[in-house]
PDB file of N, CA and C in Angstrom:
ATOM      1  N   UNK A   1      14.864   4.495  47.483  1.00  0.00           N
ATOM      2  CA  UNK A   1      13.553   4.933  47.043  1.00  0.00           C
ATOM      3  C   UNK A   1      13.651   6.219  46.231  1.00  0.00           C
ATOM      4  N   UNK A   2      14.551   7.110  46.647  1.00  0.00           N
ATOM      5  CA  UNK A   2      14.722   8.373  45.929  1.00  0.00           C
ATOM      6  C   UNK A   2      15.254   8.139  44.528  1.00  0.00           C
ATOM      7  N   UNK A   3      16.101   7.100  44.380  1.00  0.00           N
ATOM      8  CA  UNK A   3      16.623   6.776  43.056  1.00  0.00           C
ATOM      9  C   UNK A   3      15.499   6.308  42.133  1.00  0.00           C
ATOM     10  N   UNK A   4      14.572   5.548  42.671  1.00  0.00           N
ATOM     11  CA  UNK A   4      13.455   5.035  41.878  1.00  0.00           C
ATOM     12  C   UNK A   4      12.580   6.180  41.380  1.00  0.00           C
ATOM     13  N   UNK A   5      12.358   7.188  42.225  1.00  0.00           N
ATOM     14  CA  UNK A   5      11.558   8.337  41.791  1.00  0.00           C
ATOM     15  C   UNK A   5      12.270   9.108  40.693  1.00  0.00           C
ATOM     16  N   UNK A   6      13.571   9.309  40.853  1.00  0.00           N
ATOM     17  CA  UNK A   6      14.349  10.016  39.835  1.00  0.00           C
ATOM     18  C   UNK A   6      14.367   9.269  38.517  1.00  0.00           C
ATOM     19  N   UNK A   7      14.472   7.944  38.627  1.00  0.00           N
ATOM     20  CA  UNK A   7      14.470   7.109  37.431  1.00  0.00           C
ATOM     21  C   UNK A   7      13.104   7.157  36.746  1.00  0.00           C
ATOM     22  N   UNK A   8      12.027   7.133  37.557  1.00  0.00           N
ATOM     23  CA  UNK A   8      10.670   7.215  37.007  1.00  0.00           C
ATOM     24  C   UNK A   8      10.430   8.537  36.307  1.00  0.00           C
ATOM     25  N   UNK A   9      10.896   9.629  36.893  1.00  0.00           N
ATOM     26  CA  UNK A   9      10.757  10.942  36.259  1.00  0.00           C
ATOM     27  C   UNK A   9      11.516  11.002  34.948  1.00  0.00           C
ATOM     28  N   UNK A  10      12.692  10.372  34.931  1.00  0.00           N
ATOM     29  CA  UNK A  10      13.512  10.371  33.720  1.00  0.00           C
ATOM     30  C   UNK A  10      12.788   9.638  32.579  1.00  0.00           C
ATOM     31  N   UNK A  11      12.181   8.497  32.907  1.00  0.00           N
ATOM     32  CA  UNK A  11      11.472   7.729  31.885  1.00  0.00           C
ATOM     33  C   UNK A  11      10.210   8.449  31.408  1.00  0.00           C
ATOM     34  N   UNK A  12       9.505   9.085  32.315  1.00  0.00           N
ATOM     35  CA  UNK A  12       8.311   9.834  31.925  1.00  0.00           C
ATOM     36  C   UNK A  12       8.687  11.007  31.030  1.00  0.00           C
ATOM     37  N   UNK A  13       9.764  11.696  31.366  1.00  0.00           N
ATOM     38  CA  UNK A  13      10.230  12.814  30.548  1.00  0.00           C
ATOM     39  C   UNK A  13      10.640  12.334  29.159  1.00  0.00           C
ATOM     40  N   UNK A  14      11.350  11.205  29.088  1.00  0.00           N
ATOM     41  CA  UNK A  14      11.759  10.651  27.791  1.00  0.00           C
ATOM     42  C   UNK A  14      10.548  10.210  26.982  1.00  0.00           C
ATOM     43  N   UNK A  15       9.536   9.643  27.649  1.00  0.00           N
ATOM     44  CA  UNK A  15       8.322   9.226  26.950  1.00  0.00           C
ATOM     45  C   UNK A  15       7.631  10.415  26.303  1.00  0.00           C
ATOM     46  N   UNK A  16       7.461  11.505  27.057  1.00  0.00           N
ATOM     47  CA  UNK A  16       6.772  12.667  26.514  1.00  0.00           C
ATOM     48  C   UNK A  16       7.577  13.344  25.407  1.00  0.00           C
ATOM     49  N   UNK A  17       8.889  13.349  25.510  1.00  0.00           N
ATOM     50  CA  UNK A  17       9.709  13.894  24.418  1.00  0.00           C
ATOM     51  C   UNK A  17       9.505  13.072  23.147  1.00  0.00           C
ATOM     52  N   UNK A  18       9.537  11.754  23.284  1.00  0.00           N
ATOM     53  CA  UNK A  18       9.317  10.880  22.137  1.00  0.00           C
ATOM     54  C   UNK A  18       7.916  11.013  21.579  1.00  0.00           C
ATOM     55  N   UNK A  19       6.938  11.160  22.451  1.00  0.00           N
ATOM     56  CA  UNK A  19       5.549  11.301  22.045  1.00  0.00           C
ATOM     57  C   UNK A  19       5.350  12.564  21.216  1.00  0.00           C
ATOM     58  N   UNK A  20       5.919  13.672  21.678  1.00  0.00           N
ATOM     59  CA  UNK A  20       5.737  14.939  20.968  1.00  0.00           C
ATOM     60  C   UNK A  20       6.532  15.017  19.674  1.00  0.00           C
ATOM     61  N   UNK A  21       7.446  14.095  19.456  1.00  0.00           N
ATOM     62  CA  UNK A  21       8.140  13.997  18.174  1.00  0.00           C
ATOM     63  C   UNK A  21       7.416  13.004  17.272  1.00  0.00           C
ATOM     64  N   UNK A  22       6.985  11.871  17.820  1.00  0.00           N
ATOM     65  CA  UNK A  22       6.390  10.801  17.018  1.00  0.00           C
ATOM     66  C   UNK A  22       5.020  11.169  16.462  1.00  0.00           C
ATOM     67  N   UNK A  23       4.209  11.877  17.207  1.00  0.00           N
ATOM     68  CA  UNK A  23       2.858  12.205  16.742  1.00  0.00           C
ATOM     69  C   UNK A  23       2.880  13.094  15.500  1.00  0.00           C
ATOM     70  N   UNK A  24       3.616  14.216  15.487  1.00  0.00           N
ATOM     71  CA  UNK A  24       3.628  15.020  14.256  1.00  0.00           C
ATOM     72  C   UNK A  24       4.246  14.290  13.059  1.00  0.00           C
ATOM     73  N   UNK A  25       5.261  13.483  13.303  1.00  0.00           N
ATOM     74  CA  UNK A  25       5.878  12.725  12.205  1.00  0.00           C
ATOM     75  C   UNK A  25       4.876  11.721  11.642  1.00  0.00           C
ATOM     76  N   UNK A  26       4.162  11.029  12.495  1.00  0.00           N
ATOM     77  CA  UNK A  26       3.172  10.045  12.047  1.00  0.00           C
ATOM     78  C   UNK A  26       2.018  10.705  11.305  1.00  0.00           C
ATOM     79  N   UNK A  27       1.517  11.805  11.822  1.00  0.00           N
ATOM     80  CA  UNK A  27       0.407  12.505  11.159  1.00  0.00           C
ATOM     81  C   UNK A  27       0.842  13.010   9.784  1.00  0.00           C
ATOM     82  N   UNK A  28       2.040  13.560   9.699  1.00  0.00           N
ATOM     83  CA  UNK A  28       2.553  14.036   8.414  1.00  0.00           C
ATOM     84  C   UNK A  28       2.709  12.892   7.434  1.00  0.00           C
ATOM     85  N   UNK A  29       3.236  11.757   7.885  1.00  0.00           N
ATOM     86  CA  UNK A  29       3.395  10.595   7.012  1.00  0.00           C
ATOM     87  C   UNK A  29       2.047  10.113   6.492  1.00  0.00           C
ATOM     88  N   UNK A  30       1.062   9.978   7.376  1.00  0.00           N
ATOM     89  CA  UNK A  30      -0.250   9.492   6.967  1.00  0.00           C
ATOM     90  C   UNK A  30      -0.965  10.469   6.042  1.00  0.00           C
ATOM     91  N   UNK A  31      -0.677  11.750   6.171  1.00  0.00           N
ATOM     92  CA  UNK A  31      -1.321  12.754   5.334  1.00  0.00           C
ATOM     93  C   UNK A  31      -0.639  12.910   3.974  1.00  0.00           C
ATOM     94  N   UNK A  32       0.668  12.815   3.931  1.00  0.00           N
ATOM     95  CA  UNK A  32       1.423  13.118   2.710  1.00  0.00           C
ATOM     96  C   UNK A  32       1.897  11.911   1.921  1.00  0.00           C
ATOM     97  N   UNK A  33       2.220  10.798   2.583  1.00  0.00           N
ATOM     98  CA  UNK A  33       2.863   9.683   1.897  1.00  0.00           C
ATOM     99  C   UNK A  33       1.895   8.524   1.668  1.00  0.00           C
ATOM    100  N   UNK A  34       1.384   7.922   2.719  1.00  0.00           N
ATOM    101  CA  UNK A  34       0.514   6.757   2.561  1.00  0.00           C
ATOM    102  C   UNK A  34      -0.291   6.536   3.827  1.00  0.00           C
ATOM    103  N   UNK A  35      -1.391   5.825   3.688  1.00  0.00           N
ATOM    104  CA  UNK A  35      -2.180   5.433   4.855  1.00  0.00           C
ATOM    105  C   UNK A  35      -2.847   4.090   4.562  1.00  0.00           C
ATOM    106  N   UNK A  36      -3.358   3.479   5.594  1.00  0.00           N
ATOM    107  CA  UNK A  36      -4.013   2.185   5.484  1.00  0.00           C
ATOM    108  C   UNK A  36      -5.524   2.405   5.546  1.00  0.00           C
ATOM    109  N   UNK A  37      -6.251   1.721   4.662  1.00  0.00           N
ATOM    110  CA  UNK A  37      -7.712   1.859   4.627  1.00  0.00           C
ATOM    111  C   UNK A  37      -8.351   0.482   4.493  1.00  0.00           C
ATOM    112  N   UNK A  38      -9.598   0.403   4.906  1.00  0.00           N
ATOM    113  CA  UNK A  38     -10.368  -0.838   4.816  1.00  0.00           C
ATOM    114  C   UNK A  38     -11.374  -0.709   3.674  1.00  0.00           C
ATOM    115  N   UNK A  39     -11.453  -1.746   2.850  1.00  0.00           N
ATOM    116  CA  UNK A  39     -12.395  -1.770   1.731  1.00  0.00           C
ATOM    117  C   UNK A  39     -13.463  -2.800   2.045  1.00  0.00           C
ATOM    118  N   UNK A  40     -14.712  -2.350   2.088  1.00  0.00           N
ATOM    119  CA  UNK A  40     -15.833  -3.234   2.378  1.00  0.00           C
ATOM    120  C   UNK A  40     -16.891  -3.077   1.294  1.00  0.00           C
ATOM    121  N   UNK A  41     -17.697  -4.069   1.134  1.00  0.00           N
ATOM    122  CA  UNK A  41     -18.813  -3.974   0.211  1.00  0.00           C
ATOM    123  C   UNK A  41     -18.526  -4.595  -1.133  1.00  0.00           C
ATOM    124  N   UNK A  42     -19.550  -4.580  -1.974  1.00  0.00           N
ATOM    125  CA  UNK A  42     -19.486  -5.261  -3.266  1.00  0.00           C
ATOM    126  C   UNK A  42     -19.020  -4.361  -4.397  1.00  0.00           C
ATOM    127  N   UNK A  43     -18.755  -3.098  -4.149  1.00  0.00           N
ATOM    128  CA  UNK A  43     -18.440  -2.182  -5.240  1.00  0.00           C
ATOM    129  C   UNK A  43     -17.108  -2.491  -5.919  1.00  0.00           C
ATOM    130  N   UNK A  44     -16.181  -3.117  -5.227  1.00  0.00           N
ATOM    131  CA  UNK A  44     -14.871  -3.401  -5.813  1.00  0.00           C
ATOM    132  C   UNK A  44     -14.687  -4.869  -6.168  1.00  0.00           C
ATOM    133  N   UNK A  45     -15.742  -5.667  -6.147  1.00  0.00           N
ATOM    134  CA  UNK A  45     -15.616  -7.077  -6.501  1.00  0.00           C
ATOM    135  C   UNK A  45     -15.447  -7.208  -7.998  1.00  0.00           C
ATOM    136  N   UNK A  46     -14.700  -8.102  -8.534  1.00  0.00           N
ATOM    137  CA  UNK A  46     -13.966  -9.187  -7.908  1.00  0.00           C
ATOM    138  C   UNK A  46     -12.525  -8.821  -7.539  1.00  0.00           C
ATOM    139  N   UNK A  47     -12.074  -7.592  -7.819  1.00  0.00           N
ATOM    140  CA  UNK A  47     -10.686  -7.229  -7.493  1.00  0.00           C
ATOM    141  C   UNK A  47     -10.425  -7.289  -6.002  1.00  0.00           C
ATOM    142  N   UNK A  48     -11.298  -6.689  -5.221  1.00  0.00           N
ATOM    143  CA  UNK A  48     -11.202  -6.725  -3.768  1.00  0.00           C
ATOM    144  C   UNK A  48     -12.444  -7.412  -3.230  1.00  0.00           C
ATOM    145  N   UNK A  49     -12.314  -8.095  -2.123  1.00  0.00           N
ATOM    146  CA  UNK A  49     -13.392  -8.891  -1.534  1.00  0.00           C
ATOM    147  C   UNK A  49     -13.920  -9.925  -2.534  1.00  0.00           C
ATOM    148  N   UNK A  50     -13.049 -10.788  -3.068  1.00  0.00           N
ATOM    149  CA  UNK A  50     -13.493 -11.758  -4.077  1.00  0.00           C
ATOM    150  C   UNK A  50     -14.431 -12.806  -3.498  1.00  0.00           C
ATOM    151  N   UNK A  51     -15.255 -13.331  -4.330  1.00  0.00           N
ATOM    152  CA  UNK A  51     -16.142 -14.419  -3.946  1.00  0.00           C
ATOM    153  C   UNK A  51     -17.325 -14.009  -3.108  1.00  0.00           C
ATOM    154  N   UNK A  52     -17.579 -12.730  -2.967  1.00  0.00           N
ATOM    155  CA  UNK A  52     -18.724 -12.275  -2.209  1.00  0.00           C
ATOM    156  C   UNK A  52     -18.612 -12.494  -0.718  1.00  0.00           C
ATOM    157  N   UNK A  53     -17.397 -12.747  -0.230  1.00  0.00           N
ATOM    158  CA  UNK A  53     -17.261 -12.971   1.211  1.00  0.00           C
ATOM    159  C   UNK A  53     -17.483 -11.671   1.971  1.00  0.00           C
ATOM    160  N   UNK A  54     -17.860 -11.782   3.213  1.00  0.00           N
ATOM    161  CA  UNK A  54     -18.226 -10.623   4.019  1.00  0.00           C
ATOM    162  C   UNK A  54     -17.024  -9.941   4.661  1.00  0.00           C
ATOM    163  N   UNK A  55     -15.861 -10.573   4.627  1.00  0.00           N
ATOM    164  CA  UNK A  55     -14.667  -9.982   5.245  1.00  0.00           C
ATOM    165  C   UNK A  55     -14.224  -8.766   4.438  1.00  0.00           C
ATOM    166  N   UNK A  56     -13.571  -7.841   5.096  1.00  0.00           N
ATOM    167  CA  UNK A  56     -13.081  -6.646   4.409  1.00  0.00           C
ATOM    168  C   UNK A  56     -11.601  -6.801   4.098  1.00  0.00           C
ATOM    169  N   UNK A  57     -11.143  -6.145   3.058  1.00  0.00           N
ATOM    170  CA  UNK A  57      -9.730  -6.138   2.696  1.00  0.00           C
ATOM    171  C   UNK A  57      -9.091  -4.858   3.203  1.00  0.00           C
ATOM    172  N   UNK A  58      -7.813  -4.939   3.518  1.00  0.00           N
ATOM    173  CA  UNK A  58      -7.049  -3.784   3.964  1.00  0.00           C
ATOM    174  C   UNK A  58      -6.062  -3.434   2.861  1.00  0.00           C
ATOM    175  N   UNK A  59      -6.049  -2.171   2.451  1.00  0.00           N
ATOM    176  CA  UNK A  59      -5.183  -1.720   1.365  1.00  0.00           C
ATOM    177  C   UNK A  59      -4.338  -0.540   1.826  1.00  0.00           C
ATOM    178  N   UNK A  60      -3.219  -0.342   1.142  1.00  0.00           N
ATOM    179  CA  UNK A  60      -2.349   0.798   1.391  1.00  0.00           C
ATOM    180  C   UNK A  60      -2.629   1.841   0.319  1.00  0.00           C
ATOM    181  N   UNK A  61      -3.055   3.029   0.741  1.00  0.00           N
ATOM    182  CA  UNK A  61      -3.343   4.118  -0.184  1.00  0.00           C
ATOM    183  C   UNK A  61      -2.091   4.973  -0.342  1.00  0.00           C
ATOM    184  N   UNK A  62      -1.606   5.090  -1.559  1.00  0.00           N
ATOM    185  CA  UNK A  62      -0.381   5.815  -1.851  1.00  0.00           C
ATOM    186  C   UNK A  62      -0.717   7.259  -2.214  1.00  0.00           C
ATOM    187  N   UNK A  63      -0.528   8.169  -1.291  1.00  0.00           N
ATOM    188  CA  UNK A  63      -0.820   9.586  -1.541  1.00  0.00           C
ATOM    189  C   UNK A  63       0.253  10.225  -2.405  1.00  0.00           C
ATOM    190  N   UNK A  64       1.457   9.685  -2.369  1.00  0.00           N
ATOM    191  CA  UNK A  64       2.584  10.278  -3.091  1.00  0.00           C
ATOM    192  C   UNK A  64       2.335  10.266  -4.598  1.00  0.00           C
ATOM    193  N   UNK A  65       1.798   9.174  -5.131  1.00  0.00           N
ATOM    194  CA  UNK A  65       1.534   9.075  -6.577  1.00  0.00           C
ATOM    195  C   UNK A  65       0.470  10.063  -7.018  1.00  0.00           C
ATOM    196  N   UNK A  66      -0.532  10.274  -6.197  1.00  0.00           N
ATOM    197  CA  UNK A  66      -1.595  11.217  -6.545  1.00  0.00           C
ATOM    198  C   UNK A  66      -1.046  12.640  -6.605  1.00  0.00           C
ATOM    199  N   UNK A  67      -0.192  12.986  -5.658  1.00  0.00           N
ATOM    200  CA  UNK A  67       0.381  14.339  -5.641  1.00  0.00           C
ATOM    201  C   UNK A  67       1.262  14.592  -6.862  1.00  0.00           C
ATOM    202  N   UNK A  68       1.886  13.536  -7.394  1.00  0.00           N
ATOM    203  CA  UNK A  68       2.756  13.671  -8.569  1.00  0.00           C
ATOM    204  C   UNK A  68       2.027  13.349  -9.869  1.00  0.00           C
ATOM    205  N   UNK A  69       0.713  13.172  -9.807  1.00  0.00           N
ATOM    206  CA  UNK A  69      -0.108  12.840 -10.987  1.00  0.00           C
ATOM    207  C   UNK A  69       0.406  11.598 -11.698  1.00  0.00           C
ATOM    208  N   UNK A  70       0.794  10.589 -10.928  1.00  0.00           N
ATOM    209  CA  UNK A  70       1.327   9.355 -11.487  1.00  0.00           C
ATOM    210  C   UNK A  70       0.261   8.255 -11.439  1.00  0.00           C
ATOM    211  N   UNK A  71      -0.935   8.562 -11.947  1.00  0.00           N
ATOM    212  CA  UNK A  71      -2.031   7.597 -11.978  1.00  0.00           C
ATOM    213  C   UNK A  71      -2.114   7.022 -13.382  1.00  0.00           C
ATOM    214  N   UNK A  72      -2.205   5.681 -13.455  1.00  0.00           N
ATOM    215  CA  UNK A  72      -2.248   5.027 -14.754  1.00  0.00           C
ATOM    216  C   UNK A  72      -3.504   4.180 -14.863  1.00  0.00           C
ATOM    217  N   UNK A  73      -3.803   3.782 -16.074  1.00  0.00           N
ATOM    218  CA  UNK A  73      -4.957   2.934 -16.322  1.00  0.00           C
ATOM    219  C   UNK A  73      -4.806   1.626 -15.548  1.00  0.00           C
ATOM    220  N   UNK A  74      -5.868   1.208 -14.877  1.00  0.00           N
ATOM    221  CA  UNK A  74      -5.844  -0.017 -14.095  1.00  0.00           C
ATOM    222  C   UNK A  74      -5.593   0.213 -12.620  1.00  0.00           C
ATOM    223  N   UNK A  75      -5.189   1.423 -12.230  1.00  0.00           N
ATOM    224  CA  UNK A  75      -4.981   1.737 -10.816  1.00  0.00           C
ATOM    225  C   UNK A  75      -6.318   1.883 -10.114  1.00  0.00           C
ATOM    226  N   UNK A  76      -6.355   1.512  -8.858  1.00  0.00           N
ATOM    227  CA  UNK A  76      -7.544   1.690  -8.050  1.00  0.00           C
ATOM    228  C   UNK A  76      -7.400   3.006  -7.304  1.00  0.00           C
ATOM    229  N   UNK A  77      -8.397   3.870  -7.433  1.00  0.00           N
ATOM    230  CA  UNK A  77      -8.358   5.191  -6.811  1.00  0.00           C
ATOM    231  C   UNK A  77      -9.470   5.257  -5.772  1.00  0.00           C
ATOM    232  N   UNK A  78      -9.141   5.761  -4.601  1.00  0.00           N
ATOM    233  CA  UNK A  78     -10.106   5.886  -3.514  1.00  0.00           C
ATOM    234  C   UNK A  78     -10.458   7.357  -3.313  1.00  0.00           C
ATOM    235  N   UNK A  79     -11.745   7.668  -3.311  1.00  0.00           N
ATOM    236  CA  UNK A  79     -12.199   9.037  -3.110  1.00  0.00           C
ATOM    237  C   UNK A  79     -12.962   9.141  -1.802  1.00  0.00           C
ATOM    238  N   UNK A  80     -12.846  10.275  -1.164  1.00  0.00           N
ATOM    239  CA  UNK A  80     -13.567  10.496   0.091  1.00  0.00           C
ATOM    240  C   UNK A  80     -14.848  11.249  -0.210  1.00  0.00           C
TER     241      UNK A  80
END
């Protein structure tokens, strides 16, 4: 029984170490490199949400290109 408690403590400690590393890395990635967003509504038809369907599309927003001013004609830009 004592071994099980020691093993449980070891796994909990490893989980929290991984958690405190993974959260800042994930937040930095989503803020600086790319994130996933949902596009709803008729404003982007027919490129997104074609045919007037009610379902939403999921897109990957590339933050890296915006930071490097690598926007070209025909690109879709999302503003907050």
